[in-house]
């Protein structure tokens, strides 16, 4: 499903974000100028920042997911889990961030 901008012939925007098909827009807004709405392209720096935010979110989720396991004294893989959680905490300051995730 695409998003379209509906305009008068003089360029005045009537509706800045109609979601649907082009055929729907032509039927709903006969005689109007219909343009496909495209988001501006993000720079490489912006893409990298978005990836870093996404990966930090994943990392935070992994830490939350393993919180209770780390409290169990008799967890079978306690040593590996402790090392994994340390790697997760340290990950943003390593050269591998955000491209290579730590693994358990």
C-alpha atoms as a PDB file:
ATOM      1  CA  UNK A   1       0.000   0.000   0.000  1.00  0.00           C
ATOM      2  CA  UNK A   2       1.423   3.357  -1.051  1.00  0.00           C
ATOM      3  CA  UNK A   3       0.904   6.844   0.341  1.00  0.00           C
ATOM      4  CA  UNK A   4      -0.191   9.637  -1.975  1.00  0.00           C
ATOM      5  CA  UNK A   5      -0.382  13.433  -1.720  1.00  0.00           C
ATOM      6  CA  UNK A   6      -3.532  14.936  -3.188  1.00  0.00           C
ATOM      7  CA  UNK A   7      -3.249  18.473  -4.616  1.00  0.00           C
ATOM      8  CA  UNK A   8      -5.332  21.048  -6.424  1.00  0.00           C
ATOM      9  CA  UNK A   9      -4.132  21.950  -9.914  1.00  0.00           C
ATOM     10  CA  UNK A  10      -2.513  25.108  -8.467  1.00  0.00           C
ATOM     11  CA  UNK A  11      -0.351  22.962  -6.125  1.00  0.00           C
ATOM     12  CA  UNK A  12      -2.339  23.469  -2.908  1.00  0.00           C
ATOM     13  CA  UNK A  13      -2.235  20.272  -0.868  1.00  0.00           C
ATOM     14  CA  UNK A  14      -5.680  18.909  -0.050  1.00  0.00           C
ATOM     15  CA  UNK A  15      -4.589  15.748   1.732  1.00  0.00           C
ATOM     16  CA  UNK A  16      -0.940  15.035   2.563  1.00  0.00           C
ATOM     17  CA  UNK A  17      -1.175  11.327   3.247  1.00  0.00           C
ATOM     18  CA  UNK A  18      -3.763   9.098   1.592  1.00  0.00           C
ATOM     19  CA  UNK A  19      -2.910   5.417   1.966  1.00  0.00           C
ATOM     20  CA  UNK A  20      -4.218   3.130  -0.711  1.00  0.00           C
ATOM     21  CA  UNK A  21      -3.909   2.350  -4.379  1.00  0.00           C
ATOM     22  CA  UNK A  22      -3.584   4.876  -7.181  1.00  0.00           C
ATOM     23  CA  UNK A  23      -6.939   3.710  -8.527  1.00  0.00           C
ATOM     24  CA  UNK A  24      -8.584   4.443  -5.148  1.00  0.00           C
ATOM     25  CA  UNK A  25      -7.107   7.957  -5.089  1.00  0.00           C
ATOM     26  CA  UNK A  26      -8.271   8.682  -8.641  1.00  0.00           C
ATOM     27  CA  UNK A  27     -11.778   7.549  -7.734  1.00  0.00           C
ATOM     28  CA  UNK A  28     -11.907   9.386  -4.384  1.00  0.00           C
ATOM     29  CA  UNK A  29     -10.316  12.601  -5.691  1.00  0.00           C
ATOM     30  CA  UNK A  30     -11.387  12.980  -9.348  1.00  0.00           C
ATOM     31  CA  UNK A  31      -9.671  15.769 -11.251  1.00  0.00           C
ATOM     32  CA  UNK A  32      -7.015  16.307  -8.571  1.00  0.00           C
ATOM     33  CA  UNK A  33      -3.251  16.025  -8.930  1.00  0.00           C
ATOM     34  CA  UNK A  34      -2.088  12.793  -7.289  1.00  0.00           C
ATOM     35  CA  UNK A  35       1.580  12.325  -6.437  1.00  0.00           C
ATOM     36  CA  UNK A  36       3.305   9.397  -4.799  1.00  0.00           C
ATOM     37  CA  UNK A  37       4.646  10.465  -1.399  1.00  0.00           C
ATOM     38  CA  UNK A  38       8.285   9.556  -0.921  1.00  0.00           C
ATOM     39  CA  UNK A  39      10.263  10.061   2.243  1.00  0.00           C
ATOM     40  CA  UNK A  40      13.536  11.912   1.754  1.00  0.00           C
ATOM     41  CA  UNK A  41      16.538   9.611   1.441  1.00  0.00           C
ATOM     42  CA  UNK A  42      18.526   9.276   4.657  1.00  0.00           C
ATOM     43  CA  UNK A  43      22.257   9.986   4.640  1.00  0.00           C
ATOM     44  CA  UNK A  44      24.711   7.213   5.471  1.00  0.00           C
ATOM     45  CA  UNK A  45      25.322   8.834   8.872  1.00  0.00           C
ATOM     46  CA  UNK A  46      21.571   8.845   9.605  1.00  0.00           C
ATOM     47  CA  UNK A  47      21.273   5.202   8.519  1.00  0.00           C
ATOM     48  CA  UNK A  48      24.168   4.258  10.795  1.00  0.00           C
ATOM     49  CA  UNK A  49      22.600   6.071  13.758  1.00  0.00           C
ATOM     50  CA  UNK A  50      19.283   4.280  13.143  1.00  0.00           C
ATOM     51  CA  UNK A  51      21.099   0.933  12.988  1.00  0.00           C
ATOM     52  CA  UNK A  52      22.924   1.726  16.237  1.00  0.00           C
ATOM     53  CA  UNK A  53      19.621   2.579  17.941  1.00  0.00           C
ATOM     54  CA  UNK A  54      18.047  -0.654  16.674  1.00  0.00           C
ATOM     55  CA  UNK A  55      20.998  -2.736  17.837  1.00  0.00           C
ATOM     56  CA  UNK A  56      21.046  -1.065  21.256  1.00  0.00           C
ATOM     57  CA  UNK A  57      17.353  -1.937  21.537  1.00  0.00           C
ATOM     58  CA  UNK A  58      18.111  -5.562  20.681  1.00  0.00           C
ATOM     59  CA  UNK A  59      20.989  -5.586  23.178  1.00  0.00           C
ATOM     60  CA  UNK A  60      18.811  -4.108  25.925  1.00  0.00           C
ATOM     61  CA  UNK A  61      16.189  -6.765  25.206  1.00  0.00           C
ATOM     62  CA  UNK A  62      18.770  -9.528  25.489  1.00  0.00           C
ATOM     63  CA  UNK A  63      19.974  -8.176  28.822  1.00  0.00           C
ATOM     64  CA  UNK A  64      16.392  -8.022  30.088  1.00  0.00           C
ATOM     65  CA  UNK A  65      15.666 -11.517  28.762  1.00  0.00           C
ATOM     66  CA  UNK A  66      18.670 -12.992  30.552  1.00  0.00           C
ATOM     67  CA  UNK A  67      18.309 -11.027  33.819  1.00  0.00           C
ATOM     68  CA  UNK A  68      16.504 -13.748  35.737  1.00  0.00           C
ATOM     69  CA  UNK A  69      18.732 -16.518  34.383  1.00  0.00           C
ATOM     70  CA  UNK A  70      21.806 -14.669  35.621  1.00  0.00           C
ATOM     71  CA  UNK A  71      20.370 -14.699  39.152  1.00  0.00           C
ATOM     72  CA  UNK A  72      20.112 -18.491  39.239  1.00  0.00           C
ATOM     73  CA  UNK A  73      23.146 -19.880  41.048  1.00  0.00           C
ATOM     74  CA  UNK A  74      22.588 -23.358  39.595  1.00  0.00           C
ATOM     75  CA  UNK A  75      22.014 -22.310  35.963  1.00  0.00           C
ATOM     76  CA  UNK A  76      23.827 -24.958  33.851  1.00  0.00           C
ATOM     77  CA  UNK A  77      25.683 -22.461  31.653  1.00  0.00           C
ATOM     78  CA  UNK A  78      26.254 -19.780  34.272  1.00  0.00           C
ATOM     79  CA  UNK A  79      29.831 -18.993  33.156  1.00  0.00           C
ATOM     80  CA  UNK A  80      28.850 -18.681  29.478  1.00  0.00           C
ATOM     81  CA  UNK A  81      25.816 -16.556  30.373  1.00  0.00           C
ATOM     82  CA  UNK A  82      27.921 -14.220  32.496  1.00  0.00           C
ATOM     83  CA  UNK A  83      30.426 -13.804  29.641  1.00  0.00           C
ATOM     84  CA  UNK A  84      27.567 -13.213  27.162  1.00  0.00           C
ATOM     85  CA  UNK A  85      26.008 -10.519  29.339  1.00  0.00           C
ATOM     86  CA  UNK A  86      29.395  -8.820  29.730  1.00  0.00           C
ATOM     87  CA  UNK A  87      29.874  -8.923  25.947  1.00  0.00           C
ATOM     88  CA  UNK A  88      26.412  -7.377  25.510  1.00  0.00           C
ATOM     89  CA  UNK A  89      27.218  -4.547  27.915  1.00  0.00           C
ATOM     90  CA  UNK A  90      30.601  -3.893  26.285  1.00  0.00           C
ATOM     91  CA  UNK A  91      29.409  -4.294  22.697  1.00  0.00           C
ATOM     92  CA  UNK A  92      28.613  -0.612  21.912  1.00  0.00           C
ATOM     93  CA  UNK A  93      32.204   0.382  22.715  1.00  0.00           C
ATOM     94  CA  UNK A  94      33.792  -2.274  20.471  1.00  0.00           C
ATOM     95  CA  UNK A  95      34.802  -2.115  16.806  1.00  0.00           C
ATOM     96  CA  UNK A  96      32.180  -4.821  16.078  1.00  0.00           C
ATOM     97  CA  UNK A  97      29.289  -2.485  16.959  1.00  0.00           C
ATOM     98  CA  UNK A  98      26.728  -2.408  15.374  1.00  0.00           C
ATOM     99  CA  UNK A  99      27.581  -5.000  12.718  1.00  0.00           C
ATOM    100  CA  UNK A 100      28.418  -8.153  14.672  1.00  0.00           C
ATOM    101  CA  UNK A 101      26.185  -9.175  17.585  1.00  0.00           C
ATOM    102  CA  UNK A 102      27.555 -11.050  20.572  1.00  0.00           C
ATOM    103  CA  UNK A 103      26.422 -14.669  20.747  1.00  0.00           C
ATOM    104  CA  UNK A 104      25.804 -17.033  23.630  1.00  0.00           C
END
